[in-house]
Amino acid sequence: EPYTQIMQLLQVEPANSVVIEDSVNGVRSGKAAGARVIGLSATYSANDLSEADICVKSLNEIDVNLINSLVDAAH
């Protein structure tokens, strides 16, 4: 629900949203809201975060190209 509320507040379509999460429940929350999800495997393993669209080990791996590719894939 928090992601849905913030998307409504910002007037952003879920398909145009990307969230970064480091927990299983966070990944599930982002996906339930309709967003694309990047799993950050700092606390949990990439296997634990397998529901994410993609997993990274570090925030340094996230750039505009990755975000754009996730949004483009949603359309």
C-alpha atoms as a PDB file:
ATOM      1  CA  GLU A   1       0.000   0.000   0.000  1.00  0.00           C
ATOM      2  CA  PRO A   2       2.759   2.566   0.666  1.00  0.00           C
ATOM      3  CA  TYR A   3       4.000   2.351  -2.920  1.00  0.00           C
ATOM      4  CA  THR A   4       0.487   2.683  -4.320  1.00  0.00           C
ATOM      5  CA  GLN A   5      -0.148   5.749  -2.168  1.00  0.00           C
ATOM      6  CA  ILE A   6       3.075   7.491  -3.152  1.00  0.00           C
ATOM      7  CA  MET A   7       2.496   6.766  -6.845  1.00  0.00           C
ATOM      8  CA  GLN A   8      -0.953   8.317  -6.581  1.00  0.00           C
ATOM      9  CA  LEU A   9       0.426  11.307  -4.705  1.00  0.00           C
ATOM     10  CA  LEU A  10       3.131  11.848  -7.326  1.00  0.00           C
ATOM     11  CA  GLN A  11       0.678  11.068 -10.150  1.00  0.00           C
ATOM     12  CA  VAL A  12       3.009   8.417 -11.550  1.00  0.00           C
ATOM     13  CA  GLU A  13       1.790   5.301 -13.309  1.00  0.00           C
ATOM     14  CA  PRO A  14       2.987   2.091 -11.637  1.00  0.00           C
ATOM     15  CA  ALA A  15       4.390   0.833 -14.969  1.00  0.00           C
ATOM     16  CA  ASN A  16       6.625   3.920 -15.031  1.00  0.00           C
ATOM     17  CA  SER A  17       7.902   3.318 -11.507  1.00  0.00           C
ATOM     18  CA  VAL A  18      11.004   1.526 -10.324  1.00  0.00           C
ATOM     19  CA  VAL A  19      11.596   0.754  -6.671  1.00  0.00           C
ATOM     20  CA  ILE A  20      14.736  -0.519  -4.989  1.00  0.00           C
ATOM     21  CA  GLU A  21      14.240  -2.987  -2.182  1.00  0.00           C
ATOM     22  CA  ASP A  22      16.497  -5.077   0.018  1.00  0.00           C
ATOM     23  CA  SER A  23      13.878  -7.290   1.661  1.00  0.00           C
ATOM     24  CA  VAL A  24      11.559 -10.046   0.485  1.00  0.00           C
ATOM     25  CA  ASN A  25       8.459  -8.219   1.720  1.00  0.00           C
ATOM     26  CA  GLY A  26       9.644  -4.971   0.154  1.00  0.00           C
ATOM     27  CA  VAL A  27      10.074  -6.667  -3.226  1.00  0.00           C
ATOM     28  CA  ARG A  28       6.599  -8.170  -2.910  1.00  0.00           C
ATOM     29  CA  SER A  29       5.155  -4.780  -1.960  1.00  0.00           C
ATOM     30  CA  GLY A  30       6.703  -3.070  -4.966  1.00  0.00           C
ATOM     31  CA  LYS A  31       5.508  -5.795  -7.331  1.00  0.00           C
ATOM     32  CA  ALA A  32       1.993  -5.729  -5.825  1.00  0.00           C
ATOM     33  CA  ALA A  33       1.869  -1.989  -6.521  1.00  0.00           C
ATOM     34  CA  GLY A  34       2.656  -2.668 -10.181  1.00  0.00           C
ATOM     35  CA  ALA A  35       6.169  -1.226 -10.145  1.00  0.00           C
ATOM     36  CA  ARG A  36       9.319  -2.713 -11.569  1.00  0.00           C
ATOM     37  CA  VAL A  37      11.586  -3.803  -8.712  1.00  0.00           C
ATOM     38  CA  ILE A  38      15.336  -3.855  -8.322  1.00  0.00           C
ATOM     39  CA  GLY A  39      16.373  -6.206  -5.542  1.00  0.00           C
ATOM     40  CA  LEU A  40      19.436  -5.100  -3.604  1.00  0.00           C
ATOM     41  CA  SER A  41      21.083  -8.247  -2.285  1.00  0.00           C
ATOM     42  CA  ALA A  42      22.837  -6.629   0.648  1.00  0.00           C
ATOM     43  CA  THR A  43      20.758  -8.173   3.434  1.00  0.00           C
ATOM     44  CA  TYR A  44      19.123 -11.064   1.588  1.00  0.00           C
ATOM     45  CA  SER A  45      20.567 -13.153  -1.225  1.00  0.00           C
ATOM     46  CA  ALA A  46      19.565 -12.677  -4.846  1.00  0.00           C
ATOM     47  CA  ASN A  47      17.851 -16.050  -4.569  1.00  0.00           C
ATOM     48  CA  ASP A  48      15.706 -14.752  -1.682  1.00  0.00           C
ATOM     49  CA  LEU A  49      14.817 -11.680  -3.771  1.00  0.00           C
ATOM     50  CA  SER A  50      14.012 -13.698  -6.893  1.00  0.00           C
ATOM     51  CA  GLU A  51      10.605 -12.016  -7.300  1.00  0.00           C
ATOM     52  CA  ALA A  52      12.424  -8.785  -8.201  1.00  0.00           C
ATOM     53  CA  ASP A  53      12.789  -7.949 -11.875  1.00  0.00           C
ATOM     54  CA  ILE A  54      16.537  -7.798 -11.428  1.00  0.00           C
ATOM     55  CA  CYS A  55      18.952  -8.098  -8.511  1.00  0.00           C
ATOM     56  CA  VAL A  56      22.120  -6.117  -7.918  1.00  0.00           C
ATOM     57  CA  LYS A  57      24.775  -6.401  -5.241  1.00  0.00           C
ATOM     58  CA  SER A  58      25.435  -2.676  -4.910  1.00  0.00           C
ATOM     59  CA  LEU A  59      23.674   0.609  -5.554  1.00  0.00           C
ATOM     60  CA  ASN A  60      26.639   1.427  -7.803  1.00  0.00           C
ATOM     61  CA  GLU A  61      25.235  -1.064 -10.328  1.00  0.00           C
ATOM     62  CA  ILE A  62      22.097   1.033 -10.793  1.00  0.00           C
ATOM     63  CA  ASP A  63      22.179   3.666 -13.488  1.00  0.00           C
ATOM     64  CA  VAL A  64      19.737   5.454 -15.759  1.00  0.00           C
ATOM     65  CA  ASN A  65      20.161   2.813 -18.473  1.00  0.00           C
ATOM     66  CA  LEU A  66      19.095   0.039 -16.113  1.00  0.00           C
ATOM     67  CA  ILE A  67      16.105   2.014 -14.904  1.00  0.00           C
ATOM     68  CA  ASN A  68      15.054   2.901 -18.456  1.00  0.00           C
ATOM     69  CA  SER A  69      15.343  -0.723 -19.556  1.00  0.00           C
ATOM     70  CA  LEU A  70      13.062  -1.828 -16.723  1.00  0.00           C
ATOM     71  CA  VAL A  71      10.464   0.810 -17.533  1.00  0.00           C
ATOM     72  CA  ASP A  72      10.660   0.033 -21.262  1.00  0.00           C
ATOM     73  CA  ALA A  73      10.168  -3.674 -20.536  1.00  0.00           C
ATOM     74  CA  ALA A  74       6.934  -2.864 -18.699  1.00  0.00           C
ATOM     75  CA  HIS A  75       5.388  -1.398 -21.847  1.00  0.00           C
END
